[in-house]
Amino acid sequence: MKYGIYISNYALNGDPKKFVDLAKAAEDAGWDGFFMWDHVYQSSGDLIADPWITLAAIAAQTEKIRIGTTVTPLPRRKPQKVAREVTTLDNLSNGRFTLGVGLGDDSEDGYFDEETSLKTRAEKLDESLEILEGLWTGKPFSFTGQHYNIQELTFEPRPMKKPRVPIWCGGTWPIKAPFRRAARFDGVFPLSAKDELKPEDYQEITDYVKGHRKTMKDFDIIMWGRSTGDPKKDSWIGDYETAGVNWYTEIIMNADIKKCLSRISKGNS
């Protein structure tokens, strides 16, 4: 089991310097990853930090901890811009970047008159993922799709991580399509529209993904939760590990940097 921080980009009053401090503290305390939400707006009026710029600062001031977005609403972004941002962050971090992707929240889309159709967003997500993979080869690449077209070009430099940057796909269980998509890549970040997912839900997810992959080697199944840092109190995490989870992420939505640092300094279970 690996342990990471899963932090809202409207935590910490949106102060990017505090996110950097928190990521450095997480690395010092032995956490394995630091993953930021990727929202551009929050209807509650919370202050928001841009995760990409913040993660660049984190990459420059850390050495070992894995960093990434969980998750980026890829259908709302230009795939070529995301490809360039990911390449730069992966090289800046010496191969420590993981890209989490998903359809995005249609309630957020509405504020900017963006696409809200689930079908269209799913189509754009799949096309964008194909484009990212093609651009990252460093070889001549062109693409003709329903939503995107790219004339032949060579996109360099390549990411440091080979054959490409790891991609985690978000999905709401028990809707199956996002999990079939995730099975083509490197990990799945399951969510639930209602109750929190239980170990038996993760066992179903693990079994479903297994049925759509040749092997589960190097495939990540990620969960989020709230723990204490006390192994006895946090023994419940082991039930999820037995069900196939290999990344536990501690969710943080707190604006109080002292409370966040206190929890992080206790380490993981």
C-alpha atoms as a PDB file:
ATOM      1  CA  MET A   1       0.000   0.000   0.000  1.00  0.00           C
ATOM      2  CA  LYS A   2       1.171   3.497  -0.860  1.00  0.00           C
ATOM      3  CA  TYR A   3      -0.109   6.569   0.944  1.00  0.00           C
ATOM      4  CA  GLY A   4      -0.783   9.994  -0.497  1.00  0.00           C
ATOM      5  CA  ILE A   5      -2.406  13.347   0.168  1.00  0.00           C
ATOM      6  CA  TYR A   6      -5.558  14.111  -1.843  1.00  0.00           C
ATOM      7  CA  ILE A   7      -6.113  17.830  -1.441  1.00  0.00           C
ATOM      8  CA  SER A   8      -8.736  20.208  -2.741  1.00  0.00           C
ATOM      9  CA  ASN A   9      -7.246  23.127  -4.657  1.00  0.00           C
ATOM     10  CA  TYR A  10      -9.585  25.383  -2.688  1.00  0.00           C
ATOM     11  CA  ALA A  11      -8.156  24.215   0.628  1.00  0.00           C
ATOM     12  CA  LEU A  12      -5.688  26.459   2.497  1.00  0.00           C
ATOM     13  CA  ASN A  13      -7.571  29.550   1.261  1.00  0.00           C
ATOM     14  CA  GLY A  14      -6.139  28.851  -2.174  1.00  0.00           C
ATOM     15  CA  ASP A  15      -2.654  29.963  -1.089  1.00  0.00           C
ATOM     16  CA  PRO A  16      -0.132  28.237  -3.397  1.00  0.00           C
ATOM     17  CA  LYS A  17       2.747  28.819  -0.964  1.00  0.00           C
ATOM     18  CA  LYS A  18       0.893  26.816   1.693  1.00  0.00           C
ATOM     19  CA  PHE A  19       0.349  23.951  -0.737  1.00  0.00           C
ATOM     20  CA  VAL A  20       4.093  23.874  -1.365  1.00  0.00           C
ATOM     21  CA  ASP A  21       4.795  23.861   2.377  1.00  0.00           C
ATOM     22  CA  LEU A  22       2.322  21.015   2.841  1.00  0.00           C
ATOM     23  CA  ALA A  23       3.828  18.944   0.030  1.00  0.00           C
ATOM     24  CA  LYS A  24       7.332  19.386   1.440  1.00  0.00           C
ATOM     25  CA  ALA A  25       6.064  18.338   4.876  1.00  0.00           C
ATOM     26  CA  ALA A  26       4.368  15.294   3.343  1.00  0.00           C
ATOM     27  CA  GLU A  27       7.597  14.221   1.679  1.00  0.00           C
ATOM     28  CA  ASP A  28       9.530  14.700   4.921  1.00  0.00           C
ATOM     29  CA  ALA A  29       6.926  12.632   6.816  1.00  0.00           C
ATOM     30  CA  GLY A  30       7.218   9.728   4.377  1.00  0.00           C
ATOM     31  CA  TRP A  31       4.049  10.105   2.325  1.00  0.00           C
ATOM     32  CA  ASP A  32       4.301   8.652  -1.185  1.00  0.00           C
ATOM     33  CA  GLY A  33       2.156  11.104  -3.147  1.00  0.00           C
ATOM     34  CA  PHE A  34       0.620  14.583  -3.220  1.00  0.00           C
ATOM     35  CA  PHE A  35      -2.365  14.947  -5.538  1.00  0.00           C
ATOM     36  CA  MET A  36      -4.390  18.100  -6.174  1.00  0.00           C
ATOM     37  CA  TRP A  37      -7.941  18.597  -7.358  1.00  0.00           C
ATOM     38  CA  ASP A  38      -8.288  20.481 -10.642  1.00  0.00           C
ATOM     39  CA  HIS A  39     -11.143  22.998 -10.488  1.00  0.00           C
ATOM     40  CA  VAL A  40     -11.134  26.499 -11.978  1.00  0.00           C
ATOM     41  CA  TYR A  41     -14.183  27.695 -10.055  1.00  0.00           C
ATOM     42  CA  GLN A  42     -16.091  26.830  -6.887  1.00  0.00           C
ATOM     43  CA  SER A  43     -19.659  28.071  -6.537  1.00  0.00           C
ATOM     44  CA  SER A  44     -19.277  28.529  -2.773  1.00  0.00           C
ATOM     45  CA  GLY A  45     -16.850  31.357  -3.475  1.00  0.00           C
ATOM     46  CA  ASP A  46     -13.802  29.636  -1.977  1.00  0.00           C
ATOM     47  CA  LEU A  47     -10.392  30.920  -3.020  1.00  0.00           C
ATOM     48  CA  ILE A  48      -8.720  28.569  -5.495  1.00  0.00           C
ATOM     49  CA  ALA A  49      -5.122  27.818  -6.457  1.00  0.00           C
ATOM     50  CA  ASP A  50      -4.270  26.683  -9.969  1.00  0.00           C
ATOM     51  CA  PRO A  51      -2.995  23.111  -9.480  1.00  0.00           C
ATOM     52  CA  TRP A  52      -0.683  23.091 -12.484  1.00  0.00           C
ATOM     53  CA  ILE A  53       1.306  26.145 -11.442  1.00  0.00           C
ATOM     54  CA  THR A  54       1.268  24.993  -7.818  1.00  0.00           C
ATOM     55  CA  LEU A  55       2.481  21.503  -8.744  1.00  0.00           C
ATOM     56  CA  ALA A  56       5.321  23.054 -10.746  1.00  0.00           C
ATOM     57  CA  ALA A  57       6.466  24.846  -7.599  1.00  0.00           C
ATOM     58  CA  ILE A  58       6.100  21.608  -5.629  1.00  0.00           C
ATOM     59  CA  ALA A  59       8.071  19.666  -8.233  1.00  0.00           C
ATOM     60  CA  ALA A  60      10.918  22.156  -7.960  1.00  0.00           C
ATOM     61  CA  GLN A  61      11.074  21.903  -4.161  1.00  0.00           C
ATOM     62  CA  THR A  62      10.655  18.152  -3.627  1.00  0.00           C
ATOM     63  CA  GLU A  63      12.692  15.149  -4.707  1.00  0.00           C
ATOM     64  CA  LYS A  64      10.840  11.878  -4.147  1.00  0.00           C
ATOM     65  CA  ILE A  65       7.128  12.343  -3.617  1.00  0.00           C
ATOM     66  CA  ARG A  66       4.838  11.534  -6.564  1.00  0.00           C
ATOM     67  CA  ILE A  67       2.675  14.470  -7.678  1.00  0.00           C
ATOM     68  CA  GLY A  68      -0.362  14.785  -9.878  1.00  0.00           C
ATOM     69  CA  THR A  69      -3.899  15.960 -10.535  1.00  0.00           C
ATOM     70  CA  THR A  70      -6.930  14.001  -9.327  1.00  0.00           C
ATOM     71  CA  VAL A  71      -8.634  14.609 -11.544  1.00  0.00           C
ATOM     72  CA  THR A  72      -8.305  16.949 -14.525  1.00  0.00           C
ATOM     73  CA  PRO A  73     -11.546  17.407 -16.524  1.00  0.00           C
ATOM     74  CA  LEU A  74      -9.827  16.612 -19.802  1.00  0.00           C
ATOM     75  CA  PRO A  75     -12.845  17.233 -22.084  1.00  0.00           C
ATOM     76  CA  ARG A  76     -12.774  20.889 -20.979  1.00  0.00           C
ATOM     77  CA  ARG A  77      -9.113  21.358 -21.863  1.00  0.00           C
ATOM     78  CA  LYS A  78      -7.145  21.564 -25.103  1.00  0.00           C
ATOM     79  CA  PRO A  79      -5.377  18.188 -25.293  1.00  0.00           C
ATOM     80  CA  GLN A  80      -2.240  19.684 -26.839  1.00  0.00           C
ATOM     81  CA  LYS A  81      -1.957  22.158 -23.949  1.00  0.00           C
ATOM     82  CA  VAL A  82      -2.381  19.404 -21.366  1.00  0.00           C
ATOM     83  CA  ALA A  83       0.191  17.311 -23.238  1.00  0.00           C
ATOM     84  CA  ARG A  84       2.705  20.158 -23.000  1.00  0.00           C
ATOM     85  CA  GLU A  85       1.949  20.895 -19.339  1.00  0.00           C
ATOM     86  CA  VAL A  86       2.291  17.234 -18.379  1.00  0.00           C
ATOM     87  CA  THR A  87       5.538  16.844 -20.315  1.00  0.00           C
ATOM     88  CA  THR A  88       7.014  19.896 -18.626  1.00  0.00           C
ATOM     89  CA  LEU A  89       5.912  18.825 -15.149  1.00  0.00           C
ATOM     90  CA  ASP A  90       7.133  15.283 -15.670  1.00  0.00           C
ATOM     91  CA  ASN A  91      10.570  16.489 -16.739  1.00  0.00           C
ATOM     92  CA  LEU A  92      10.697  19.105 -13.985  1.00  0.00           C
ATOM     93  CA  SER A  93       9.900  16.421 -11.395  1.00  0.00           C
ATOM     94  CA  ASN A  94      12.265  13.805 -12.879  1.00  0.00           C
ATOM     95  CA  GLY A  95       9.441  11.466 -13.840  1.00  0.00           C
ATOM     96  CA  ARG A  96       7.251  11.854 -10.743  1.00  0.00           C
ATOM     97  CA  PHE A  97       4.047  13.100 -12.371  1.00  0.00           C
ATOM     98  CA  THR A  98       0.757  11.179 -12.625  1.00  0.00           C
ATOM     99  CA  LEU A  99      -2.137  12.561 -14.664  1.00  0.00           C
ATOM    100  CA  GLY A 100      -5.609  11.896 -13.301  1.00  0.00           C
ATOM    101  CA  VAL A 101      -8.419  12.469 -15.799  1.00  0.00           C
ATOM    102  CA  GLY A 102     -12.198  12.447 -15.783  1.00  0.00           C
ATOM    103  CA  LEU A 103     -15.274  13.889 -17.456  1.00  0.00           C
ATOM    104  CA  GLY A 104     -15.565  16.900 -15.164  1.00  0.00           C
ATOM    105  CA  ASP A 105     -18.475  18.211 -13.150  1.00  0.00           C
ATOM    106  CA  ASP A 106     -21.265  19.423 -15.420  1.00  0.00           C
ATOM    107  CA  SER A 107     -22.417  21.929 -12.792  1.00  0.00           C
ATOM    108  CA  GLU A 108     -19.070  23.690 -13.165  1.00  0.00           C
ATOM    109  CA  ASP A 109     -19.302  23.506 -16.966  1.00  0.00           C
ATOM    110  CA  GLY A 110     -22.491  25.512 -16.942  1.00  0.00           C
ATOM    111  CA  TYR A 111     -20.850  28.667 -15.603  1.00  0.00           C
ATOM    112  CA  PHE A 112     -18.608  28.943 -18.664  1.00  0.00           C
ATOM    113  CA  ASP A 113     -21.073  27.702 -21.294  1.00  0.00           C
ATOM    114  CA  GLU A 114     -19.036  24.546 -21.855  1.00  0.00           C
ATOM    115  CA  GLU A 115     -20.213  21.149 -23.001  1.00  0.00           C
ATOM    116  CA  THR A 116     -22.503  19.425 -20.503  1.00  0.00           C
ATOM    117  CA  SER A 117     -23.592  16.409 -22.567  1.00  0.00           C
ATOM    118  CA  LEU A 118     -22.250  13.272 -20.891  1.00  0.00           C
ATOM    119  CA  LYS A 119     -21.979  11.471 -24.233  1.00  0.00           C
ATOM    120  CA  THR A 120     -20.028  14.290 -25.862  1.00  0.00           C
ATOM    121  CA  ARG A 121     -17.700  14.685 -22.888  1.00  0.00           C
ATOM    122  CA  ALA A 122     -16.978  10.953 -22.918  1.00  0.00           C
ATOM    123  CA  GLU A 123     -16.171  11.112 -26.636  1.00  0.00           C
ATOM    124  CA  LYS A 124     -13.859  14.083 -26.107  1.00  0.00           C
ATOM    125  CA  LEU A 125     -12.155  12.360 -23.178  1.00  0.00           C
ATOM    126  CA  ASP A 126     -11.393   9.250 -25.223  1.00  0.00           C
ATOM    127  CA  GLU A 127     -10.135  11.286 -28.186  1.00  0.00           C
ATOM    128  CA  SER A 128      -7.993  13.449 -25.909  1.00  0.00           C
ATOM    129  CA  LEU A 129      -6.396  10.394 -24.296  1.00  0.00           C
ATOM    130  CA  GLU A 130      -5.550   9.008 -27.726  1.00  0.00           C
ATOM    131  CA  ILE A 131      -4.023  12.368 -28.656  1.00  0.00           C
ATOM    132  CA  LEU A 132      -1.918  12.510 -25.480  1.00  0.00           C
ATOM    133  CA  GLU A 133      -0.532   9.047 -26.137  1.00  0.00           C
ATOM    134  CA  GLY A 134       0.267   9.926 -29.740  1.00  0.00           C
ATOM    135  CA  LEU A 135       1.938  13.245 -28.958  1.00  0.00           C
ATOM    136  CA  TRP A 136       4.071  11.730 -26.206  1.00  0.00           C
ATOM    137  CA  THR A 137       5.679   9.180 -28.548  1.00  0.00           C
ATOM    138  CA  GLY A 138       8.001  11.846 -29.918  1.00  0.00           C
ATOM    139  CA  LYS A 139       7.282  10.491 -33.410  1.00  0.00           C
ATOM    140  CA  PRO A 140       5.318  12.031 -36.290  1.00  0.00           C
ATOM    141  CA  PHE A 141       1.656  11.991 -35.270  1.00  0.00           C
ATOM    142  CA  SER A 142      -1.632  13.106 -36.776  1.00  0.00           C
ATOM    143  CA  PHE A 143      -5.210  12.658 -35.658  1.00  0.00           C
ATOM    144  CA  THR A 144      -8.651  12.899 -37.213  1.00  0.00           C
ATOM    145  CA  GLY A 145     -11.583  12.550 -34.867  1.00  0.00           C
ATOM    146  CA  GLN A 146     -15.108  13.711 -34.275  1.00  0.00           C
ATOM    147  CA  HIS A 147     -14.033  16.546 -31.977  1.00  0.00           C
ATOM    148  CA  TYR A 148     -10.312  17.091 -32.639  1.00  0.00           C
ATOM    149  CA  ASN A 149      -8.067  17.183 -35.689  1.00  0.00           C
ATOM    150  CA  ILE A 150      -4.272  17.429 -35.680  1.00  0.00           C
ATOM    151  CA  GLN A 151      -2.058  17.810 -38.729  1.00  0.00           C
ATOM    152  CA  GLU A 152       1.067  15.657 -38.682  1.00  0.00           C
ATOM    153  CA  LEU A 153       3.696  16.941 -36.299  1.00  0.00           C
ATOM    154  CA  THR A 154       6.369  15.777 -33.880  1.00  0.00           C
ATOM    155  CA  PHE A 155       5.791  16.874 -30.292  1.00  0.00           C
ATOM    156  CA  GLU A 156       9.005  17.148 -28.291  1.00  0.00           C
ATOM    157  CA  PRO A 157      10.501  16.759 -25.776  1.00  0.00           C
ATOM    158  CA  ARG A 158       8.941  13.513 -24.637  1.00  0.00           C
ATOM    159  CA  PRO A 159       7.998  12.951 -20.997  1.00  0.00           C
ATOM    160  CA  MET A 160      10.779  11.479 -18.892  1.00  0.00           C
ATOM    161  CA  LYS A 161       8.548   8.596 -17.781  1.00  0.00           C
ATOM    162  CA  LYS A 162       8.443   5.850 -20.422  1.00  0.00           C
ATOM    163  CA  PRO A 163       6.506   4.691 -22.292  1.00  0.00           C
ATOM    164  CA  ARG A 164       4.396   7.615 -21.060  1.00  0.00           C
ATOM    165  CA  VAL A 165       3.230   9.435 -17.975  1.00  0.00           C
ATOM    166  CA  PRO A 166       0.950   7.223 -15.830  1.00  0.00           C
ATOM    167  CA  ILE A 167      -2.741   7.989 -16.317  1.00  0.00           C
ATOM    168  CA  TRP A 168      -5.395   7.402 -13.657  1.00  0.00           C
ATOM    169  CA  CYS A 169      -9.030   7.573 -14.748  1.00  0.00           C
ATOM    170  CA  GLY A 170     -11.774   8.726 -12.424  1.00  0.00           C
ATOM    171  CA  GLY A 171     -15.154   7.050 -12.488  1.00  0.00           C
ATOM    172  CA  THR A 172     -18.384   6.721 -10.542  1.00  0.00           C
ATOM    173  CA  TRP A 173     -19.079   3.153  -9.492  1.00  0.00           C
ATOM    174  CA  PRO A 174     -21.118   1.133 -10.498  1.00  0.00           C
ATOM    175  CA  ILE A 175     -21.210   2.857 -13.913  1.00  0.00           C
ATOM    176  CA  LYS A 176     -19.006   0.518 -15.927  1.00  0.00           C
ATOM    177  CA  ALA A 177     -17.757   2.616 -18.873  1.00  0.00           C
ATOM    178  CA  PRO A 178     -15.195   4.680 -16.888  1.00  0.00           C
ATOM    179  CA  PHE A 179     -13.732   1.467 -15.479  1.00  0.00           C
ATOM    180  CA  ARG A 180     -13.330  -0.089 -18.915  1.00  0.00           C
ATOM    181  CA  ARG A 181     -11.538   3.112 -19.926  1.00  0.00           C
ATOM    182  CA  ALA A 182      -9.324   2.978 -16.841  1.00  0.00           C
ATOM    183  CA  ALA A 183      -8.406  -0.638 -17.597  1.00  0.00           C
ATOM    184  CA  ARG A 184      -6.624   0.594 -20.740  1.00  0.00           C
ATOM    185  CA  PHE A 185      -4.375   2.831 -18.681  1.00  0.00           C
ATOM    186  CA  ASP A 186      -2.578   2.785 -15.330  1.00  0.00           C
ATOM    187  CA  GLY A 187      -5.094   3.230 -12.556  1.00  0.00           C
ATOM    188  CA  VAL A 188      -8.612   4.012 -11.464  1.00  0.00           C
ATOM    189  CA  PHE A 189      -9.866   6.538  -8.927  1.00  0.00           C
ATOM    190  CA  PRO A 190     -13.378   5.342  -8.025  1.00  0.00           C
ATOM    191  CA  LEU A 191     -16.012   7.642  -6.585  1.00  0.00           C
ATOM    192  CA  SER A 192     -19.600   7.076  -5.516  1.00  0.00           C
ATOM    193  CA  ALA A 193     -22.594   9.261  -6.245  1.00  0.00           C
ATOM    194  CA  LYS A 194     -24.143   8.288  -2.901  1.00  0.00           C
ATOM    195  CA  ASP A 195     -22.437   6.529  -0.007  1.00  0.00           C
ATOM    196  CA  GLU A 196     -18.716   6.058   0.497  1.00  0.00           C
ATOM    197  CA  LEU A 197     -17.397   2.958  -1.212  1.00  0.00           C
ATOM    198  CA  LYS A 198     -16.913  -0.054   1.042  1.00  0.00           C
ATOM    199  CA  PRO A 199     -14.289  -2.826   0.776  1.00  0.00           C
ATOM    200  CA  GLU A 200     -16.791  -5.064  -1.015  1.00  0.00           C
ATOM    201  CA  ASP A 201     -17.298  -2.310  -3.610  1.00  0.00           C
ATOM    202  CA  TYR A 202     -13.555  -2.158  -4.219  1.00  0.00           C
ATOM    203  CA  GLN A 203     -13.455  -5.934  -4.550  1.00  0.00           C
ATOM    204  CA  GLU A 204     -16.099  -5.674  -7.281  1.00  0.00           C
ATOM    205  CA  ILE A 205     -14.077  -2.915  -8.953  1.00  0.00           C
ATOM    206  CA  THR A 206     -10.884  -4.971  -8.778  1.00  0.00           C
ATOM    207  CA  ASP A 207     -12.613  -8.008 -10.269  1.00  0.00           C
ATOM    208  CA  TYR A 208     -14.209  -5.921 -13.016  1.00  0.00           C
ATOM    209  CA  VAL A 209     -10.943  -4.275 -14.036  1.00  0.00           C
ATOM    210  CA  LYS A 210      -9.180  -7.664 -13.961  1.00  0.00           C
ATOM    211  CA  GLY A 211     -11.680  -8.863 -16.538  1.00  0.00           C
ATOM    212  CA  HIS A 212     -10.595  -6.089 -18.914  1.00  0.00           C
ATOM    213  CA  ARG A 213      -6.804  -6.319 -18.550  1.00  0.00           C
ATOM    214  CA  LYS A 214      -4.178  -8.953 -19.256  1.00  0.00           C
ATOM    215  CA  THR A 215      -2.532  -8.292 -15.904  1.00  0.00           C
ATOM    216  CA  MET A 216      -2.996  -6.117 -12.832  1.00  0.00           C
ATOM    217  CA  LYS A 217       0.763  -5.582 -12.578  1.00  0.00           C
ATOM    218  CA  ASP A 218       1.566  -1.866 -12.281  1.00  0.00           C
ATOM    219  CA  PHE A 219      -2.136  -0.970 -12.138  1.00  0.00           C
ATOM    220  CA  ASP A 220      -3.237   1.349  -9.329  1.00  0.00           C
ATOM    221  CA  ILE A 221      -6.563   1.313  -7.499  1.00  0.00           C
ATOM    222  CA  ILE A 222      -6.910   4.462  -5.440  1.00  0.00           C
ATOM    223  CA  MET A 223      -9.181   5.345  -2.549  1.00  0.00           C
ATOM    224  CA  TRP A 224      -9.590   8.396  -0.358  1.00  0.00           C
ATOM    225  CA  GLY A 225     -10.539   8.646   3.285  1.00  0.00           C
ATOM    226  CA  ARG A 226      -9.772  10.212   6.637  1.00  0.00           C
ATOM    227  CA  SER A 227      -7.366   8.527   9.021  1.00  0.00           C
ATOM    228  CA  THR A 228      -5.537   9.419  12.228  1.00  0.00           C
ATOM    229  CA  GLY A 229      -1.972   8.214  11.716  1.00  0.00           C
ATOM    230  CA  ASP A 230      -2.495   5.688  14.527  1.00  0.00           C
ATOM    231  CA  PRO A 231      -2.084   2.136  13.109  1.00  0.00           C
ATOM    232  CA  LYS A 232      -4.569   0.664  15.586  1.00  0.00           C
ATOM    233  CA  LYS A 233      -7.280   3.208  14.831  1.00  0.00           C
ATOM    234  CA  ASP A 234      -6.584   3.006  11.106  1.00  0.00           C
ATOM    235  CA  SER A 235      -6.574  -0.789  10.841  1.00  0.00           C
ATOM    236  CA  TRP A 236      -9.731  -0.557   8.689  1.00  0.00           C
ATOM    237  CA  ILE A 237      -7.543   0.513   5.768  1.00  0.00           C
ATOM    238  CA  GLY A 238      -6.265  -3.062   5.624  1.00  0.00           C
ATOM    239  CA  ASP A 239      -9.731  -4.253   4.576  1.00  0.00           C
ATOM    240  CA  TYR A 240      -9.466  -2.062   1.487  1.00  0.00           C
ATOM    241  CA  GLU A 241      -5.973  -3.303   0.732  1.00  0.00           C
ATOM    242  CA  THR A 242      -7.276  -6.872   0.831  1.00  0.00           C
ATOM    243  CA  ALA A 243      -9.943  -5.809  -1.681  1.00  0.00           C
ATOM    244  CA  GLY A 244      -7.310  -4.588  -4.151  1.00  0.00           C
ATOM    245  CA  VAL A 245      -6.633  -0.974  -3.174  1.00  0.00           C
ATOM    246  CA  ASN A 246      -2.925  -0.118  -3.433  1.00  0.00           C
ATOM    247  CA  TRP A 247      -3.086   3.672  -2.956  1.00  0.00           C
ATOM    248  CA  TYR A 248      -4.734   5.189   0.113  1.00  0.00           C
ATOM    249  CA  THR A 249      -5.073   8.989  -0.103  1.00  0.00           C
ATOM    250  CA  GLU A 250      -5.879  11.244   2.839  1.00  0.00           C
ATOM    251  CA  ILE A 251      -8.449  13.844   1.817  1.00  0.00           C
ATOM    252  CA  ILE A 252      -7.749  17.410   2.946  1.00  0.00           C
ATOM    253  CA  MET A 253     -10.213  20.263   2.532  1.00  0.00           C
ATOM    254  CA  ASN A 254      -9.127  22.307   5.544  1.00  0.00           C
ATOM    255  CA  ALA A 255      -8.163  25.970   5.402  1.00  0.00           C
ATOM    256  CA  ASP A 256      -6.107  25.725   8.601  1.00  0.00           C
ATOM    257  CA  ILE A 257      -2.472  25.075   7.674  1.00  0.00           C
ATOM    258  CA  LYS A 258      -1.566  24.155  11.261  1.00  0.00           C
ATOM    259  CA  LYS A 259      -4.194  21.407  11.404  1.00  0.00           C
ATOM    260  CA  CYS A 260      -3.116  20.103   8.014  1.00  0.00           C
ATOM    261  CA  LEU A 261       0.549  20.040   9.008  1.00  0.00           C
ATOM    262  CA  SER A 262      -0.322  18.334  12.285  1.00  0.00           C
ATOM    263  CA  ARG A 263      -2.092  15.477  10.499  1.00  0.00           C
ATOM    264  CA  ILE A 264       0.570  15.118   7.828  1.00  0.00           C
ATOM    265  CA  SER A 265       3.412  15.089  10.346  1.00  0.00           C
ATOM    266  CA  LYS A 266       1.880  12.004  12.009  1.00  0.00           C
ATOM    267  CA  GLY A 267       2.594  10.090   8.822  1.00  0.00           C
ATOM    268  CA  ASN A 268       0.559   7.236   7.433  1.00  0.00           C
ATOM    269  CA  SER A 269      -0.528   3.954   8.878  1.00  0.00           C
END
